[in-house]
Amino acid sequence: MHPLLISPTHARRFAERAVALREPWPDVASALREQGYVQLDPINVCGRMHDLNLRNRVAHYREGDLLAYVHPGEGRPREAFEHYLPGRGILVVFPMAFWPVVATVMAERRNGRSRDWPARPLTRAEEKIGERILAELRDRGPLSSDDIEHEGRARTAWGTQGRLVKHVLEALFHRGDVLICARRDFRRVYDLPERVIPAPVRARGLLELEVVRRELAHLELRQRRLVALRRHERAWVDGLAMDVRVGDGPVLQILREDAARLDAAARDDATEAGATSAQLLAPLDPLIYDRRVTRRVWDFDYTWEVYTPAARRVRGYYALPVLSRGEIVGHVEPRADRADRRLQVVSRRVRRGHATRDAVRSLATFLGLRAPG
């Protein structure tokens, strides 16, 4: 079947609708159910990534609401969990319904059978430390790396030196021997899986690997809605996805269930393009996450420059792209001065005719800070 041909403008209107930048979801639970996951990030320059992501797409969202939902405290049911996106090494929040997929991936790692999702091997000495950590968790309850005494050092994934206990905990988490049960000032607190995942969810058991691969490909479509799937991924989601071609660009995929949104976007295209006011997008917002799709659909070449050497940065350390009237028109680089309770704008470069003052004020209000004068 030939792909459906759509214009770049039609694709943009569809993408805005599909990732809830036009009509927000009512709550965090709905966002997780529709998006599939939300990426976590500890950097806090003007709010953390996950909060910047959700404030644009969840009604009445407040800073910290996602973590409060994931780790609700004693007496309230746990409906989500933290873990790495399989094959990506990206820490995310999943809805609890996704546990069987992640549990299957971790079982493959523990059994040493995984080629798609390899384990992080530990030395014999590190395995002994891991056994001690698990024993302490059983006896003492939830612990952070700071709660466990050990003087050993290890090289981190970034090539720096760190505590060996933290390294071993990370490996235990990666293969599912421990899970994150809480956060203390964003620091991880770990516990045993049986004390984090509700028993009825654990009782669902593991999945066939073909099912896991299909679920992961489906997850990518749910997360970004307009996606360039690889050939093998397209085979895994056969029947769930349909092909579209944006202008003379490559073939992309959308969910078949999003066909109604595609039709609604065509009506937007014919009537009032860009009905929303300017928005400051999170640097890793699903709308712009895939640079190839962002270039093709939005004519916008964007790189998150946190890990780019300062001399090579084009926009700035933590620049937020500006979505205005159906186009991405530049960036604003805000910085929260928490001591002075003021939001500063370090740099701003926006196409003529597009205003960002209200968008910056909205961010300041969200963070509980005074807006720039």
Protein backbone atom coordinates (compact mmCIF):
# COMPACT_ATOMS: atom_id res chain seq x y z
CA MET A 1 0.00 0.00 0.00
CA HIS A 2 1.31 3.45 -0.94
CA PRO A 3 1.92 5.92 1.93
CA LEU A 4 -0.58 8.68 2.49
CA LEU A 5 0.81 11.98 1.17
CA ILE A 6 0.47 14.96 3.53
CA SER A 7 1.95 18.45 3.54
CA PRO A 8 4.49 19.63 6.15
CA THR A 9 1.83 21.97 7.57
CA HIS A 10 -0.64 19.08 7.90
CA ALA A 11 2.09 16.98 9.59
CA ARG A 12 2.84 19.77 12.08
CA ARG A 13 -0.80 20.25 13.03
CA PHE A 14 -1.13 16.49 13.48
CA ALA A 15 1.99 16.27 15.64
CA GLU A 16 0.82 19.10 17.91
CA ARG A 17 -2.52 17.37 18.40
CA ALA A 18 -1.11 13.89 18.84
CA VAL A 19 1.36 14.81 21.60
CA ALA A 20 -1.26 16.91 23.43
CA LEU A 21 0.22 20.35 22.86
CA ARG A 22 -3.18 21.62 21.70
CA GLU A 23 -5.53 19.85 24.09
CA PRO A 24 -3.82 18.79 27.36
CA TRP A 25 -4.47 15.52 29.10
CA PRO A 26 -6.43 15.77 32.36
CA ASP A 27 -3.79 14.21 34.64
CA VAL A 28 -0.42 12.45 34.89
CA ALA A 29 -2.02 9.00 34.64
CA SER A 30 -3.55 9.93 31.27
CA ALA A 31 -0.22 11.31 30.04
CA LEU A 32 1.59 8.07 30.90
CA ARG A 33 -1.14 5.96 29.36
CA GLU A 34 -1.10 7.96 26.11
CA GLN A 35 2.64 8.70 25.84
CA GLY A 36 3.82 5.33 27.15
CA TYR A 37 6.56 6.89 29.27
CA VAL A 38 8.10 10.19 30.38
CA GLN A 39 11.86 10.65 30.37
CA LEU A 40 13.51 11.71 33.65
CA ASP A 41 16.53 13.97 33.93
CA PRO A 42 18.20 15.42 37.06
CA ILE A 43 19.47 18.68 35.54
CA ASN A 44 17.56 21.61 36.97
CA VAL A 45 18.38 24.89 35.25
CA CYS A 46 14.84 26.17 34.76
CA GLY A 47 12.89 23.14 35.94
CA ARG A 48 13.67 19.49 35.26
CA MET A 49 13.09 17.91 31.85
CA HIS A 50 10.09 15.80 32.86
CA ASP A 51 8.33 18.74 34.51
CA LEU A 52 8.97 20.98 31.49
CA ASN A 53 7.61 18.21 29.29
CA LEU A 54 4.41 17.66 31.25
CA ARG A 55 3.56 21.27 32.11
CA ASN A 56 2.69 21.81 28.43
CA ARG A 57 0.48 18.74 28.12
CA VAL A 58 -1.17 18.01 31.49
CA ALA A 59 -3.88 20.33 32.79
CA HIS A 60 -2.97 22.13 36.04
CA TYR A 61 0.37 20.33 36.26
CA ARG A 62 2.65 21.50 39.07
CA GLU A 63 6.40 21.12 39.46
CA GLY A 64 7.12 17.71 41.01
CA ASP A 65 3.73 16.15 40.22
CA LEU A 66 5.25 13.29 38.19
CA LEU A 67 7.51 12.02 40.98
CA ALA A 68 4.69 12.44 43.50
CA TYR A 69 2.59 10.19 41.26
CA VAL A 70 5.34 7.59 40.82
CA HIS A 71 6.25 7.47 44.52
CA PRO A 72 2.94 8.21 46.26
CA GLY A 73 3.93 7.38 49.82
CA GLU A 74 2.61 4.85 52.27
CA GLY A 75 -1.04 3.95 52.07
CA ARG A 76 -1.50 4.92 48.42
CA PRO A 77 -1.30 2.43 45.54
CA ARG A 78 1.75 2.61 43.28
CA GLU A 79 0.64 3.03 39.66
CA ALA A 80 3.95 3.70 37.91
CA PHE A 81 7.62 2.80 38.21
CA GLU A 82 11.05 4.01 37.10
CA HIS A 83 13.39 2.06 34.85
CA TYR A 84 15.53 2.30 31.77
CA LEU A 85 13.98 2.29 28.34
CA PRO A 86 15.16 -1.11 27.02
CA GLY A 87 18.03 -0.75 24.58
CA ARG A 88 18.37 3.00 25.16
CA GLY A 89 19.85 3.52 28.64
CA ILE A 90 17.37 6.35 29.23
CA LEU A 91 15.72 6.52 32.65
CA VAL A 92 11.95 6.94 32.30
CA VAL A 93 8.69 6.59 34.19
CA PHE A 94 6.43 3.81 32.89
CA PRO A 95 2.80 3.12 33.79
CA MET A 96 2.54 -0.01 35.91
CA ALA A 97 0.85 -1.88 33.05
CA PHE A 98 4.21 -1.91 31.23
CA TRP A 99 5.94 -3.91 33.98
CA PRO A 100 5.73 -7.33 32.22
CA VAL A 101 7.70 -5.92 29.26
CA VAL A 102 10.49 -4.51 31.45
CA ALA A 103 10.47 -7.61 33.68
CA THR A 104 11.01 -9.83 30.64
CA VAL A 105 13.95 -7.72 29.44
CA MET A 106 15.54 -7.88 32.91
CA ALA A 107 15.02 -11.64 33.13
CA GLU A 108 16.89 -12.00 29.83
CA ARG A 109 19.75 -9.96 31.29
CA ARG A 110 19.93 -11.97 34.49
CA ASN A 111 20.00 -15.23 32.54
CA GLY A 112 22.74 -13.97 30.23
CA ARG A 113 20.64 -14.63 27.12
CA SER A 114 20.06 -11.06 26.02
CA ARG A 115 21.63 -9.79 22.81
CA ASP A 116 19.19 -6.96 22.32
CA TRP A 117 19.48 -5.73 25.92
CA PRO A 118 22.93 -6.73 27.28
CA ALA A 119 23.65 -6.82 31.01
CA ARG A 120 26.29 -4.77 32.81
CA PRO A 121 28.68 -7.46 34.12
CA LEU A 122 30.03 -7.34 37.66
CA THR A 123 33.30 -8.80 38.87
CA ARG A 124 33.27 -11.54 41.51
CA ALA A 125 34.18 -8.95 44.18
CA GLU A 126 31.36 -6.68 43.01
CA GLU A 127 28.91 -9.59 43.10
CA LYS A 128 29.80 -10.09 46.76
CA ILE A 129 29.10 -6.41 47.42
CA GLY A 130 25.79 -6.87 45.60
CA GLU A 131 24.89 -9.78 47.88
CA ARG A 132 25.65 -7.62 50.90
CA ILE A 133 23.51 -4.77 49.52
CA LEU A 134 20.57 -7.11 48.97
CA ALA A 135 20.93 -8.48 52.50
CA GLU A 136 20.95 -4.95 53.94
CA LEU A 137 17.84 -4.05 51.96
CA ARG A 138 16.07 -7.15 53.29
CA ASP A 139 17.06 -6.30 56.86
CA ARG A 140 16.96 -2.50 56.91
CA GLY A 141 14.39 -1.60 54.26
CA PRO A 142 14.81 1.12 51.58
CA LEU A 143 18.33 2.56 51.22
CA SER A 144 20.22 5.04 49.08
CA SER A 145 23.88 4.57 48.17
CA ASP A 146 24.77 7.02 50.96
CA ASP A 147 23.13 4.70 53.52
CA ILE A 148 25.54 1.83 52.71
CA GLU A 149 29.10 2.05 54.01
CA HIS A 150 31.89 1.02 51.65
CA GLU A 151 35.16 2.78 50.76
CA GLY A 152 35.69 1.25 47.33
CA ARG A 153 35.84 3.39 44.18
CA ALA A 154 34.75 2.64 40.62
CA ARG A 155 34.80 4.33 37.23
CA THR A 156 31.40 5.71 36.24
CA ALA A 157 29.76 5.57 32.81
CA TRP A 158 31.03 9.14 32.27
CA GLY A 159 34.66 8.11 32.87
CA THR A 160 34.91 9.76 36.29
CA GLN A 161 35.59 8.17 39.68
CA GLY A 162 32.61 7.34 41.93
CA ARG A 163 31.67 5.17 44.87
CA LEU A 164 31.77 1.45 44.18
CA VAL A 165 28.53 0.91 46.11
CA LYS A 166 26.74 3.32 43.80
CA HIS A 167 28.15 1.48 40.76
CA VAL A 168 27.00 -1.90 42.08
CA LEU A 169 23.55 -0.56 42.97
CA GLU A 170 23.22 0.77 39.44
CA ALA A 171 24.10 -2.66 38.02
CA LEU A 172 21.62 -4.38 40.35
CA PHE A 173 18.96 -1.92 39.23
CA HIS A 174 19.82 -2.44 35.58
CA ARG A 175 19.18 -6.18 35.83
CA GLY A 176 16.15 -5.88 38.11
CA ASP A 177 17.53 -7.07 41.48
CA VAL A 178 16.55 -3.74 43.05
CA LEU A 179 14.15 -0.97 42.03
CA ILE A 180 13.81 2.72 42.82
CA CYS A 181 11.15 3.10 45.51
CA ALA A 182 11.50 6.81 46.38
CA ARG A 183 13.48 9.99 45.77
CA ARG A 184 15.27 12.23 48.30
CA ASP A 185 16.06 15.55 46.62
CA PHE A 186 16.04 13.52 43.41
CA ARG A 187 18.58 11.03 44.81
CA ARG A 188 17.53 7.42 44.27
CA VAL A 189 16.28 5.27 47.13
CA TYR A 190 16.24 1.53 46.38
CA ASP A 191 14.29 -1.45 47.66
CA LEU A 192 13.62 -5.04 46.67
CA PRO A 193 11.30 -5.48 43.66
CA GLU A 194 8.67 -7.38 45.64
CA ARG A 195 8.26 -4.34 47.88
CA VAL A 196 7.91 -1.93 44.94
CA ILE A 197 5.79 -3.72 42.31
CA PRO A 198 2.32 -4.79 43.54
CA ALA A 199 1.85 -8.57 43.81
CA PRO A 200 -1.01 -8.74 41.21
CA VAL A 201 1.24 -7.04 38.65
CA ARG A 202 4.18 -9.36 39.35
CA ALA A 203 1.83 -12.33 39.04
CA ARG A 204 1.23 -11.55 35.37
CA GLY A 205 4.56 -13.21 34.59
CA LEU A 206 6.89 -12.82 31.63
CA LEU A 207 6.16 -12.38 27.92
CA GLU A 208 7.37 -13.98 24.71
CA LEU A 209 10.25 -12.01 23.20
CA GLU A 210 8.27 -11.34 20.01
CA VAL A 211 5.58 -9.70 22.14
CA VAL A 212 8.21 -7.59 23.92
CA ARG A 213 9.68 -6.37 20.64
CA ARG A 214 6.23 -5.49 19.33
CA GLU A 215 5.41 -3.62 22.53
CA LEU A 216 8.67 -1.63 22.36
CA ALA A 217 8.10 -0.61 18.74
CA HIS A 218 4.51 0.31 19.60
CA LEU A 219 5.87 2.34 22.53
CA GLU A 220 7.99 4.46 20.21
CA LEU A 221 4.92 5.28 18.13
CA ARG A 222 2.91 6.20 21.23
CA GLN A 223 5.69 8.43 22.53
CA ARG A 224 6.28 10.61 19.45
CA ARG A 225 3.30 9.75 17.14
CA LEU A 226 5.17 10.71 13.96
CA VAL A 227 8.11 8.35 13.75
CA ALA A 228 10.79 7.03 11.40
CA LEU A 229 10.74 3.34 12.31
CA ARG A 230 13.50 1.00 11.19
CA ARG A 231 12.53 -1.80 8.83
CA HIS A 232 12.47 -4.53 11.49
CA GLU A 233 10.43 -2.29 13.81
CA ARG A 234 7.87 -1.74 11.07
CA ALA A 235 7.46 -5.50 10.77
CA TRP A 236 6.88 -5.75 14.53
CA VAL A 237 4.02 -3.21 14.48
CA ASP A 238 2.34 -4.52 11.34
CA GLY A 239 -1.35 -3.74 11.64
CA LEU A 240 -0.82 -1.06 14.31
CA ALA A 241 0.82 1.56 12.12
CA MET A 242 0.24 3.28 8.81
CA ASP A 243 2.70 5.02 6.48
CA VAL A 244 2.68 8.71 5.62
CA ARG A 245 4.99 10.74 3.44
CA VAL A 246 5.54 14.37 4.37
CA GLY A 247 6.02 16.36 1.17
CA ASP A 248 8.85 14.79 -0.81
CA GLY A 249 10.50 13.44 2.34
CA PRO A 250 10.94 9.88 3.60
CA VAL A 251 8.13 7.58 4.66
CA LEU A 252 7.17 7.99 8.34
CA GLN A 253 4.77 6.04 10.55
CA ILE A 254 1.80 6.97 12.69
CA LEU A 255 -0.57 4.83 14.74
CA ARG A 256 -3.68 3.69 12.90
CA GLU A 257 -5.65 4.77 15.94
CA ASP A 258 -4.42 8.33 15.25
CA ALA A 259 -6.20 8.51 11.88
CA ALA A 260 -8.96 10.65 13.43
CA ARG A 261 -6.34 13.10 14.71
CA LEU A 262 -4.83 13.22 11.22
CA ASP A 263 -8.26 14.12 9.79
CA ALA A 264 -8.80 16.78 12.47
CA ALA A 265 -5.37 18.23 11.68
CA ALA A 266 -6.37 18.55 8.03
CA ARG A 267 -9.30 20.74 9.11
CA ASP A 268 -6.91 22.83 11.23
CA ASP A 269 -4.74 23.21 8.17
CA ALA A 270 -7.68 24.47 6.11
CA THR A 271 -9.02 26.89 8.72
CA GLU A 272 -6.74 28.32 11.40
CA ALA A 273 -3.13 27.19 11.40
CA GLY A 274 -1.38 27.78 14.70
CA ALA A 275 -4.30 28.31 17.06
CA THR A 276 -2.10 28.14 20.16
CA SER A 277 0.06 30.88 21.69
CA ALA A 278 3.84 30.54 21.92
CA GLN A 279 5.11 27.65 24.05
CA LEU A 280 8.57 26.90 25.42
CA LEU A 281 9.29 23.24 24.69
CA ALA A 282 11.43 20.99 26.86
CA PRO A 283 14.78 20.30 25.14
CA LEU A 284 13.82 16.61 24.75
CA ASP A 285 10.13 17.16 24.05
CA PRO A 286 8.61 14.27 22.05
CA LEU A 287 7.68 16.73 19.31
CA ILE A 288 11.36 17.40 18.50
CA TYR A 289 13.13 14.35 19.97
CA ASP A 290 14.11 12.78 16.65
CA ARG A 291 16.39 15.27 14.91
CA ARG A 292 15.77 13.71 11.48
CA VAL A 293 12.00 14.10 11.77
CA THR A 294 12.38 17.60 13.26
CA ARG A 295 14.49 18.73 10.31
CA ARG A 296 12.15 17.21 7.75
CA VAL A 297 8.80 18.21 9.26
CA TRP A 298 9.64 21.42 11.14
CA ASP A 299 12.61 22.66 9.08
CA PHE A 300 14.43 23.06 12.39
CA ASP A 301 17.88 21.65 13.14
CA TYR A 302 18.07 21.23 16.89
CA THR A 303 20.61 19.73 19.27
CA TRP A 304 20.35 19.69 23.05
CA GLU A 305 23.68 21.27 23.95
CA VAL A 306 24.08 20.34 27.63
CA TYR A 307 26.89 17.94 26.71
CA THR A 308 28.32 20.08 23.91
CA PRO A 309 31.57 21.93 24.77
CA ALA A 310 30.78 25.59 25.50
CA ALA A 311 32.79 26.89 22.54
CA ARG A 312 30.74 24.79 20.12
CA ARG A 313 27.26 25.63 21.41
CA VAL A 314 24.93 27.33 18.96
CA ARG A 315 21.98 28.13 21.23
CA GLY A 316 23.17 27.62 24.80
CA TYR A 317 23.52 25.15 27.64
CA TYR A 318 19.76 24.70 28.29
CA ALA A 319 17.91 26.42 25.47
CA LEU A 320 14.16 25.83 25.10
CA PRO A 321 12.79 25.77 21.52
CA VAL A 322 9.87 28.12 20.87
CA LEU A 323 6.72 26.73 19.23
CA SER A 324 4.63 29.59 17.87
CA ARG A 325 1.71 29.63 15.44
CA GLY A 326 2.52 26.18 14.08
CA GLU A 327 6.24 26.74 13.60
CA ILE A 328 9.41 26.37 15.65
CA VAL A 329 10.74 29.90 15.47
CA GLY A 330 13.81 30.03 17.70
CA HIS A 331 14.83 29.54 21.30
CA VAL A 332 14.84 31.09 24.75
CA GLU A 333 17.50 30.12 27.31
CA PRO A 334 16.06 30.72 30.79
CA ARG A 335 17.85 30.25 34.10
CA ALA A 336 16.17 30.03 37.49
CA ASP A 337 17.79 32.13 40.21
CA ARG A 338 16.22 30.30 43.16
CA ALA A 339 18.03 32.45 45.76
CA ASP A 340 16.63 35.68 44.31
CA ARG A 341 13.36 33.94 43.27
CA ARG A 342 13.68 35.29 39.75
CA LEU A 343 13.72 33.74 36.28
CA GLN A 344 16.46 35.17 34.09
CA VAL A 345 16.74 34.99 30.32
CA VAL A 346 20.36 34.30 29.38
CA SER A 347 19.78 34.40 25.62
CA ARG A 348 16.91 34.69 23.20
CA ARG A 349 16.80 34.34 19.44
CA VAL A 350 13.32 34.30 17.92
CA ARG A 351 12.11 34.97 14.41
CA ARG A 352 10.69 38.44 13.85
CA GLY A 353 6.94 38.68 14.43
CA HIS A 354 6.81 36.06 17.22
CA ALA A 355 6.58 37.17 20.86
CA THR A 356 7.81 35.09 23.81
CA ARG A 357 7.09 37.35 26.77
CA ASP A 358 3.91 35.53 27.81
CA ALA A 359 5.59 32.14 27.42
CA VAL A 360 8.48 33.22 29.66
CA ARG A 361 6.03 34.61 32.23
CA SER A 362 4.14 31.31 32.17
CA LEU A 363 7.36 29.40 32.92
CA ALA A 364 8.23 31.80 35.75
CA THR A 365 4.78 31.29 37.30
CA PHE A 366 5.16 27.52 37.00
CA LEU A 367 8.48 27.67 38.87
CA GLY A 368 7.17 30.09 41.51
CA LEU A 369 9.59 32.82 40.39
CA ARG A 370 9.33 36.45 39.31
CA ALA A 371 9.39 36.95 35.56
CA PRO A 372 12.04 39.12 33.89
CA GLY A 373 11.12 42.79 33.74
